[in-house]
Amino acid sequence: MDEKEREDLRNKNIKLLDHEYDGIREFDQKLPNWWLISLYATIVFSVIYWVVRHQWMDGEFDFKKLETELAMVEEARLEETLQMLDDDILMAFSRASDWTEAGAATFTQNCVACHGSDLKGENLPGVSLVDAEWLYGNKPTEMYGIVANGSPDLTSGMVAWEGLLGPKKIAEVVAYILSKQE
């Protein structure tokens, strides 16, 4: 840039920085108001758009979505645990109050008619669940199998509950029964 061009720029109150790169000099001016207004309007619009579109219109806020997804992950983890049930897992469930309380509610709703509220089955079609005598095995996984698939003696035995209750509720009932063992 020659001296005449610099003088023209000074007359127009245009400031240039001292450095030059590839023949290009950098202006040292305020940004024009129309550009700043456009920038600020875009920022405000994007914030409003995010709040309206992604928070209110989806019906759930992000933290609710996160809670829902975490519940789904926990449910998948529980399903995986239920697929690999063994005696130790069922015994651990019998020591967890949330499992035994849920099992007690399911037992009261579905099993009391045959086994009684005290699990003794006196004068009822169901056998006692708290004595030392077990007809089809006394391991927790065997108990789970009897509740899920019914007893081998289909003429007078227990029906299969797996279709009605599902694996989680059956595990809760078994945990409740195990917690009542003497």
Protein backbone atom coordinates (compact mmCIF):
# COMPACT_ATOMS: atom_id res chain seq x y z
CA MET A 1 0.00 0.00 0.00
CA ASP A 2 1.56 3.29 -0.98
CA GLU A 3 1.56 6.56 0.94
CA LYS A 4 -1.31 8.12 -1.07
CA GLU A 5 -3.67 5.23 -0.20
CA ARG A 6 -2.74 5.48 3.47
CA GLU A 7 -3.48 9.19 3.44
CA ASP A 8 -6.91 8.55 1.86
CA LEU A 9 -7.71 6.02 4.57
CA ARG A 10 -6.62 8.42 7.33
CA ASN A 11 -8.88 11.11 5.88
CA LYS A 12 -11.81 8.68 6.10
CA ASN A 13 -10.92 7.86 9.75
CA ILE A 14 -10.04 4.27 8.90
CA LYS A 15 -7.37 2.81 11.16
CA LEU A 16 -5.00 0.09 9.99
CA LEU A 17 -2.86 -2.13 12.18
CA ASP A 18 0.88 -1.96 11.68
CA HIS A 19 1.43 -5.49 10.48
CA GLU A 20 0.99 -6.70 6.94
CA TYR A 21 0.77 -10.22 5.55
CA ASP A 22 0.80 -11.09 1.83
CA GLY A 23 0.16 -7.46 1.00
CA ILE A 24 -2.96 -7.35 3.17
CA ARG A 25 -3.31 -4.88 6.02
CA GLU A 26 -5.77 -5.47 8.83
CA PHE A 27 -8.35 -2.85 9.72
CA ASP A 28 -8.64 -1.76 13.33
CA GLN A 29 -12.26 -0.64 13.30
CA LYS A 30 -15.41 -1.28 15.30
CA LEU A 31 -17.74 -3.80 13.78
CA PRO A 32 -20.73 -2.22 12.08
CA ASN A 33 -23.91 -2.04 14.12
CA TRP A 34 -25.94 -4.08 11.61
CA TRP A 35 -23.39 -6.90 11.98
CA LEU A 36 -23.44 -6.78 15.79
CA ILE A 37 -27.25 -6.71 15.85
CA SER A 38 -27.31 -9.75 13.55
CA LEU A 39 -24.85 -11.59 15.81
CA TYR A 40 -26.76 -10.88 19.02
CA ALA A 41 -30.11 -11.67 17.40
CA THR A 42 -28.76 -15.02 16.21
CA ILE A 43 -27.51 -15.87 19.70
CA VAL A 44 -30.84 -14.94 21.31
CA PHE A 45 -32.77 -16.87 18.65
CA SER A 46 -30.66 -19.99 19.14
CA VAL A 47 -31.18 -19.97 22.92
CA ILE A 48 -34.94 -19.45 22.55
CA TYR A 49 -35.12 -22.13 19.86
CA TRP A 50 -33.24 -24.62 22.04
CA VAL A 51 -35.50 -24.00 25.04
CA VAL A 52 -38.74 -24.13 23.06
CA ARG A 53 -37.93 -26.93 20.63
CA HIS A 54 -35.73 -29.26 22.60
CA GLN A 55 -37.11 -28.70 26.08
CA TRP A 56 -40.81 -27.90 25.91
CA MET A 57 -41.96 -29.36 22.60
CA ASP A 58 -40.39 -32.77 23.21
CA GLY A 59 -42.47 -33.05 26.36
CA GLU A 60 -39.52 -33.80 28.60
CA PHE A 61 -36.61 -31.81 29.89
CA ASP A 62 -33.12 -33.20 29.43
CA PHE A 63 -32.81 -34.35 33.04
CA LYS A 64 -36.08 -36.29 32.71
CA LYS A 65 -34.81 -37.92 29.52
CA LEU A 66 -31.61 -38.83 31.33
CA GLU A 67 -33.56 -40.38 34.20
CA THR A 68 -35.67 -42.36 31.73
CA GLU A 69 -32.61 -43.64 29.90
CA LEU A 70 -30.86 -44.54 33.16
CA ALA A 71 -33.97 -46.47 34.24
CA MET A 72 -33.88 -48.33 30.93
CA VAL A 73 -30.21 -49.19 31.48
CA GLU A 74 -30.97 -50.39 35.01
CA GLU A 75 -33.87 -52.48 33.70
CA ALA A 76 -31.62 -54.04 31.05
CA ARG A 77 -29.02 -54.80 33.72
CA LEU A 78 -31.71 -56.40 35.87
CA GLU A 79 -32.92 -58.47 32.91
CA GLU A 80 -29.36 -59.65 32.36
CA THR A 81 -29.09 -60.58 36.04
CA LEU A 82 -32.39 -62.44 35.88
CA GLN A 83 -31.13 -64.40 32.88
CA MET A 84 -28.16 -65.61 34.92
CA LEU A 85 -30.02 -66.40 38.15
CA ASP A 86 -28.29 -68.73 40.52
CA ASP A 87 -28.69 -69.66 44.17
CA ASP A 88 -26.34 -66.93 45.41
CA ILE A 89 -28.18 -64.15 43.55
CA LEU A 90 -31.57 -65.31 44.84
CA MET A 91 -30.20 -65.52 48.40
CA ALA A 92 -28.84 -61.97 48.03
CA PHE A 93 -32.27 -60.85 46.83
CA SER A 94 -33.83 -62.44 49.95
CA ARG A 95 -31.70 -60.15 52.12
CA ALA A 96 -32.70 -57.01 50.21
CA SER A 97 -35.77 -55.37 51.74
CA ASP A 98 -37.00 -53.84 48.50
CA TRP A 99 -37.09 -57.29 46.86
CA THR A 100 -38.80 -58.98 49.81
CA GLU A 101 -41.38 -56.19 50.17
CA ALA A 102 -42.25 -56.39 46.48
CA GLY A 103 -42.34 -60.19 46.76
CA ALA A 104 -44.66 -59.95 49.76
CA ALA A 105 -47.07 -57.78 47.79
CA THR A 106 -47.07 -60.19 44.85
CA PHE A 107 -47.41 -63.18 47.20
CA THR A 108 -50.36 -61.57 48.96
CA GLN A 109 -52.06 -60.84 45.66
CA ASN A 110 -51.50 -64.22 43.98
CA CYS A 111 -50.37 -66.94 46.40
CA VAL A 112 -52.21 -66.43 49.69
CA ALA A 113 -55.29 -68.29 48.45
CA CYS A 114 -53.35 -71.58 48.30
CA HIS A 115 -50.44 -71.11 50.71
CA GLY A 116 -51.98 -68.82 53.33
CA SER A 117 -50.70 -65.52 54.62
CA ASP A 118 -48.37 -67.30 57.04
CA LEU A 119 -46.99 -69.47 54.17
CA LYS A 120 -47.94 -72.66 56.08
CA GLY A 121 -50.74 -73.79 53.78
CA GLU A 122 -52.73 -75.38 56.61
CA ASN A 123 -56.13 -76.62 55.38
CA LEU A 124 -55.38 -75.10 51.97
CA PRO A 125 -54.47 -76.72 48.65
CA GLY A 126 -50.91 -75.33 48.72
CA VAL A 127 -48.08 -76.88 50.68
CA SER A 128 -46.20 -75.21 53.50
CA LEU A 129 -43.37 -73.00 52.32
CA VAL A 130 -41.70 -72.55 55.71
CA ASP A 131 -41.07 -76.13 56.83
CA ALA A 132 -38.02 -78.29 56.17
CA GLU A 133 -39.86 -80.60 53.77
CA TRP A 134 -39.83 -79.63 50.09
CA LEU A 135 -41.45 -81.75 47.41
CA TYR A 136 -39.49 -80.66 44.35
CA GLY A 137 -36.17 -79.34 45.66
CA ASN A 138 -35.13 -76.77 48.25
CA LYS A 139 -32.52 -74.79 46.34
CA PRO A 140 -33.49 -71.22 45.44
CA THR A 141 -33.20 -71.92 41.69
CA GLU A 142 -35.41 -74.99 42.06
CA MET A 143 -37.97 -72.88 43.92
CA TYR A 144 -37.80 -70.33 41.10
CA GLY A 145 -38.39 -73.12 38.56
CA ILE A 146 -41.43 -74.41 40.44
CA VAL A 147 -43.00 -70.95 40.65
CA ALA A 148 -42.19 -70.16 37.03
CA ASN A 149 -43.08 -73.50 35.42
CA GLY A 150 -45.47 -75.03 37.92
CA SER A 151 -45.05 -78.29 39.76
CA PRO A 152 -44.35 -81.52 37.88
CA ASP A 153 -47.57 -82.98 39.29
CA LEU A 154 -50.02 -81.05 37.10
CA THR A 155 -53.15 -82.82 38.38
CA SER A 156 -52.99 -81.36 41.88
CA GLY A 157 -49.89 -79.17 41.84
CA MET A 158 -49.21 -75.51 41.28
CA VAL A 159 -49.73 -73.88 37.90
CA ALA A 160 -47.02 -72.01 36.01
CA TRP A 161 -46.83 -68.31 36.91
CA GLU A 162 -44.15 -67.16 34.47
CA GLY A 163 -46.63 -66.00 31.84
CA LEU A 164 -48.58 -63.93 34.38
CA LEU A 165 -45.84 -62.55 36.59
CA GLY A 166 -42.66 -62.48 34.57
CA PRO A 167 -39.12 -63.24 35.78
CA LYS A 168 -38.69 -60.22 38.03
CA LYS A 169 -41.86 -60.75 40.07
CA ILE A 170 -41.12 -64.47 40.37
CA ALA A 171 -37.64 -63.66 41.69
CA GLU A 172 -39.24 -61.25 44.18
CA VAL A 173 -41.68 -63.95 45.38
CA VAL A 174 -38.85 -66.47 45.76
CA ALA A 175 -36.83 -63.84 47.66
CA TYR A 176 -39.80 -63.29 49.97
CA ILE A 177 -40.24 -67.02 50.58
CA LEU A 178 -36.52 -67.42 51.27
CA SER A 179 -36.61 -64.52 53.73
CA LYS A 180 -39.29 -66.36 55.73
CA GLN A 181 -37.33 -69.62 56.05
CA GLU A 182 -36.67 -70.72 59.60
